[in-house]
Amino acid sequence: QVQLVESGGGLVQAGGSLRLSCAASGRTFSSYPMGWFRQAPGKEREFVVYSKWGGSVTYYADSVKGRFTISRDNAKNTIYLQMNSLKPEDTAVYYCAAANKLLGGTGSSWRAYDYWGQGTQVTVSS
């Protein structure tokens, strides 16, 4: 069983940056496809980024492309989401997720993931 714990959320002004962390435990982290999603109040869970095994291939939502970057530290069993040039519309609870198998396409369907963290709140003020 995989456990995921996010951290690093907070309040930031528009144009600022945050780095989210997702610490994984329970199994070999490097073999899992991982993703980040977010959910704003009253909205559906939204895809942010997907990283295939080893992190060699990634897919970003158009809304964050060029501003957000996913990275992995397999030695620490942790993935990161560096978020730059933040906008008020980025405000949401951010979740990391892991899948038991390689996902097709861009990995953008939240239903395909097997494990989820508890989420961390990101609030961007204008």
C-alpha atoms as a PDB file:
ATOM      1  CA  GLN A   1       0.000   0.000   0.000  1.00  0.00           C
ATOM      2  CA  VAL A   2       1.191   3.477  -0.871  1.00  0.00           C
ATOM      3  CA  GLN A   3       0.733   6.464   1.432  1.00  0.00           C
ATOM      4  CA  LEU A   4       1.075   9.982   0.067  1.00  0.00           C
ATOM      5  CA  VAL A   5       1.463  13.131   2.152  1.00  0.00           C
ATOM      6  CA  GLU A   6       1.453  16.591   0.565  1.00  0.00           C
ATOM      7  CA  SER A   7       2.920  19.731   2.074  1.00  0.00           C
ATOM      8  CA  GLY A   8       4.030  23.198   1.052  1.00  0.00           C
ATOM      9  CA  GLY A   9       0.735  24.897   0.407  1.00  0.00           C
ATOM     10  CA  GLY A  10      -0.049  28.368   1.664  1.00  0.00           C
ATOM     11  CA  LEU A  11      -1.088  31.898   0.833  1.00  0.00           C
ATOM     12  CA  VAL A  12       0.844  33.777  -1.835  1.00  0.00           C
ATOM     13  CA  GLN A  13       0.308  36.914  -3.891  1.00  0.00           C
ATOM     14  CA  ALA A  14      -0.325  36.730  -7.599  1.00  0.00           C
ATOM     15  CA  GLY A  15       2.958  36.372  -9.454  1.00  0.00           C
ATOM     16  CA  GLY A  16       4.565  34.552  -6.563  1.00  0.00           C
ATOM     17  CA  SER A  17       5.840  30.995  -6.255  1.00  0.00           C
ATOM     18  CA  LEU A  18       5.286  27.931  -4.121  1.00  0.00           C
ATOM     19  CA  ARG A  19       6.785  24.464  -4.098  1.00  0.00           C
ATOM     20  CA  LEU A  20       4.591  21.572  -3.106  1.00  0.00           C
ATOM     21  CA  SER A  21       6.008  18.279  -1.900  1.00  0.00           C
ATOM     22  CA  CYS A  22       4.487  14.825  -1.898  1.00  0.00           C
ATOM     23  CA  ALA A  23       6.225  12.238   0.257  1.00  0.00           C
ATOM     24  CA  ALA A  24       5.433   8.640  -0.599  1.00  0.00           C
ATOM     25  CA  SER A  25       5.858   5.563   1.556  1.00  0.00           C
ATOM     26  CA  GLY A  26       4.863   1.940   1.509  1.00  0.00           C
ATOM     27  CA  ARG A  27       6.378   0.727  -1.752  1.00  0.00           C
ATOM     28  CA  THR A  28       9.106   1.515  -4.245  1.00  0.00           C
ATOM     29  CA  PHE A  29       8.310   5.028  -5.274  1.00  0.00           C
ATOM     30  CA  SER A  30      10.308   5.238  -8.494  1.00  0.00           C
ATOM     31  CA  SER A  31       8.191   2.582 -10.207  1.00  0.00           C
ATOM     32  CA  TYR A  32       4.923   4.504  -9.912  1.00  0.00           C
ATOM     33  CA  PRO A  33       3.397   6.905 -12.392  1.00  0.00           C
ATOM     34  CA  MET A  34       2.518  10.026 -10.406  1.00  0.00           C
ATOM     35  CA  GLY A  35       0.321  13.017 -10.930  1.00  0.00           C
ATOM     36  CA  TRP A  36      -0.888  16.263  -9.420  1.00  0.00           C
ATOM     37  CA  PHE A  37      -4.489  17.378  -9.446  1.00  0.00           C
ATOM     38  CA  ARG A  38      -6.328  20.297  -7.929  1.00  0.00           C
ATOM     39  CA  GLN A  39      -9.857  21.066  -6.872  1.00  0.00           C
ATOM     40  CA  ALA A  40     -11.358  24.473  -6.312  1.00  0.00           C
ATOM     41  CA  PRO A  41     -14.569  24.958  -4.305  1.00  0.00           C
ATOM     42  CA  GLY A  42     -17.612  23.948  -6.305  1.00  0.00           C
ATOM     43  CA  LYS A  43     -15.536  22.574  -9.168  1.00  0.00           C
ATOM     44  CA  GLU A  44     -14.487  19.131 -10.317  1.00  0.00           C
ATOM     45  CA  ARG A  45     -11.027  17.762  -9.665  1.00  0.00           C
ATOM     46  CA  GLU A  46      -8.739  19.119 -12.368  1.00  0.00           C
ATOM     47  CA  PHE A  47      -5.642  17.555 -13.905  1.00  0.00           C
ATOM     48  CA  VAL A  48      -2.399  19.476 -13.449  1.00  0.00           C
ATOM     49  CA  VAL A  49       0.493  17.224 -14.452  1.00  0.00           C
ATOM     50  CA  TYR A  50       1.359  13.552 -15.003  1.00  0.00           C
ATOM     51  CA  SER A  51       4.790  11.970 -14.727  1.00  0.00           C
ATOM     52  CA  LYS A  52       5.453   8.516 -16.116  1.00  0.00           C
ATOM     53  CA  TRP A  53       7.763   6.014 -14.463  1.00  0.00           C
ATOM     54  CA  GLY A  54      11.128   7.517 -13.733  1.00  0.00           C
ATOM     55  CA  GLY A  55       9.865  10.966 -14.600  1.00  0.00           C
ATOM     56  CA  SER A  56      11.255  10.857 -18.132  1.00  0.00           C
ATOM     57  CA  VAL A  57       7.954  11.800 -19.725  1.00  0.00           C
ATOM     58  CA  THR A  58       5.561  14.389 -18.367  1.00  0.00           C
ATOM     59  CA  TYR A  59       2.295  15.951 -19.475  1.00  0.00           C
ATOM     60  CA  TYR A  60       0.998  19.306 -18.244  1.00  0.00           C
ATOM     61  CA  ALA A  61      -2.419  20.872 -18.411  1.00  0.00           C
ATOM     62  CA  ASP A  62      -2.436  23.812 -20.784  1.00  0.00           C
ATOM     63  CA  SER A  63      -3.440  26.102 -17.943  1.00  0.00           C
ATOM     64  CA  VAL A  64      -0.153  25.496 -16.089  1.00  0.00           C
ATOM     65  CA  LYS A  65       2.266  24.753 -18.923  1.00  0.00           C
ATOM     66  CA  GLY A  66       5.334  26.950 -18.707  1.00  0.00           C
ATOM     67  CA  ARG A  67       4.591  27.936 -15.101  1.00  0.00           C
ATOM     68  CA  PHE A  68       4.548  24.642 -13.177  1.00  0.00           C
ATOM     69  CA  THR A  69       7.262  21.994 -13.108  1.00  0.00           C
ATOM     70  CA  ILE A  70       7.116  18.492 -11.675  1.00  0.00           C
ATOM     71  CA  SER A  71      10.247  16.801 -10.409  1.00  0.00           C
ATOM     72  CA  ARG A  72      11.181  13.682  -8.490  1.00  0.00           C
ATOM     73  CA  ASP A  73      13.750  12.764  -5.881  1.00  0.00           C
ATOM     74  CA  ASN A  74      13.626   8.991  -5.864  1.00  0.00           C
ATOM     75  CA  ALA A  75      16.157   8.766  -3.036  1.00  0.00           C
ATOM     76  CA  LYS A  76      13.749  10.716  -0.822  1.00  0.00           C
ATOM     77  CA  ASN A  77      10.615   9.099  -2.236  1.00  0.00           C
ATOM     78  CA  THR A  78       9.285  12.562  -2.923  1.00  0.00           C
ATOM     79  CA  ILE A  79       7.853  14.417  -5.869  1.00  0.00           C
ATOM     80  CA  TYR A  80       7.639  18.172  -6.118  1.00  0.00           C
ATOM     81  CA  LEU A  81       5.485  20.676  -7.912  1.00  0.00           C
ATOM     82  CA  GLN A  82       7.233  23.983  -8.456  1.00  0.00           C
ATOM     83  CA  MET A  83       4.617  26.620  -9.173  1.00  0.00           C
ATOM     84  CA  ASN A  84       5.711  29.984 -10.550  1.00  0.00           C
ATOM     85  CA  SER A  85       3.822  33.036 -11.781  1.00  0.00           C
ATOM     86  CA  LEU A  86       0.831  32.008  -9.719  1.00  0.00           C
ATOM     87  CA  LYS A  87      -2.581  33.401 -10.570  1.00  0.00           C
ATOM     88  CA  PRO A  88      -5.737  33.719  -8.468  1.00  0.00           C
ATOM     89  CA  GLU A  89      -7.324  31.015 -10.616  1.00  0.00           C
ATOM     90  CA  ASP A  90      -4.673  28.593  -9.346  1.00  0.00           C
ATOM     91  CA  THR A  91      -6.333  28.709  -5.943  1.00  0.00           C
ATOM     92  CA  ALA A  92      -7.377  25.168  -5.003  1.00  0.00           C
ATOM     93  CA  VAL A  93      -6.592  22.163  -2.870  1.00  0.00           C
ATOM     94  CA  TYR A  94      -3.739  20.335  -4.559  1.00  0.00           C
ATOM     95  CA  TYR A  95      -3.498  16.556  -4.444  1.00  0.00           C
ATOM     96  CA  CYS A  96      -0.780  14.169  -5.496  1.00  0.00           C
ATOM     97  CA  ALA A  97      -1.750  10.759  -6.788  1.00  0.00           C
ATOM     98  CA  ALA A  98      -0.101   7.500  -7.782  1.00  0.00           C
ATOM     99  CA  ALA A  99      -1.182   4.742 -10.126  1.00  0.00           C
ATOM    100  CA  ASN A 100      -0.447   1.023 -10.021  1.00  0.00           C
ATOM    101  CA  LYS A 101       0.077   0.807 -13.754  1.00  0.00           C
ATOM    102  CA  LEU A 102       1.216   2.912 -16.655  1.00  0.00           C
ATOM    103  CA  LEU A 103      -1.597   5.201 -17.765  1.00  0.00           C
ATOM    104  CA  GLY A 104      -2.529   5.785 -21.359  1.00  0.00           C
ATOM    105  CA  GLY A 105      -2.519   9.160 -22.992  1.00  0.00           C
ATOM    106  CA  THR A 106      -1.741  12.120 -20.783  1.00  0.00           C
ATOM    107  CA  GLY A 107      -2.799  10.524 -17.487  1.00  0.00           C
ATOM    108  CA  SER A 108      -5.370  13.271 -17.025  1.00  0.00           C
ATOM    109  CA  SER A 109      -8.275  11.216 -15.690  1.00  0.00           C
ATOM    110  CA  TRP A 110      -8.324  11.266 -11.895  1.00  0.00           C
ATOM    111  CA  ARG A 111     -10.311   8.012 -11.884  1.00  0.00           C
ATOM    112  CA  ALA A 112      -7.281   6.124 -13.193  1.00  0.00           C
ATOM    113  CA  TYR A 113      -5.228   6.738 -10.051  1.00  0.00           C
ATOM    114  CA  ASP A 114      -5.158   4.322  -7.141  1.00  0.00           C
ATOM    115  CA  TYR A 115      -3.666   6.336  -4.291  1.00  0.00           C
ATOM    116  CA  TRP A 116      -4.250   9.886  -3.122  1.00  0.00           C
ATOM    117  CA  GLY A 117      -2.827  12.239  -0.574  1.00  0.00           C
ATOM    118  CA  GLN A 118      -4.951  14.333   1.766  1.00  0.00           C
ATOM    119  CA  GLY A 119      -4.350  17.547  -0.172  1.00  0.00           C
ATOM    120  CA  THR A 120      -2.726  20.882   0.581  1.00  0.00           C
ATOM    121  CA  GLN A 121      -4.413  24.269   0.199  1.00  0.00           C
ATOM    122  CA  VAL A 122      -2.958  26.843  -2.178  1.00  0.00           C
ATOM    123  CA  THR A 123      -4.460  30.318  -2.096  1.00  0.00           C
ATOM    124  CA  VAL A 124      -3.334  33.032  -4.502  1.00  0.00           C
ATOM    125  CA  SER A 125      -4.451  36.561  -3.717  1.00  0.00           C
ATOM    126  CA  SER A 126      -4.871  39.228  -6.377  1.00  0.00           C
END
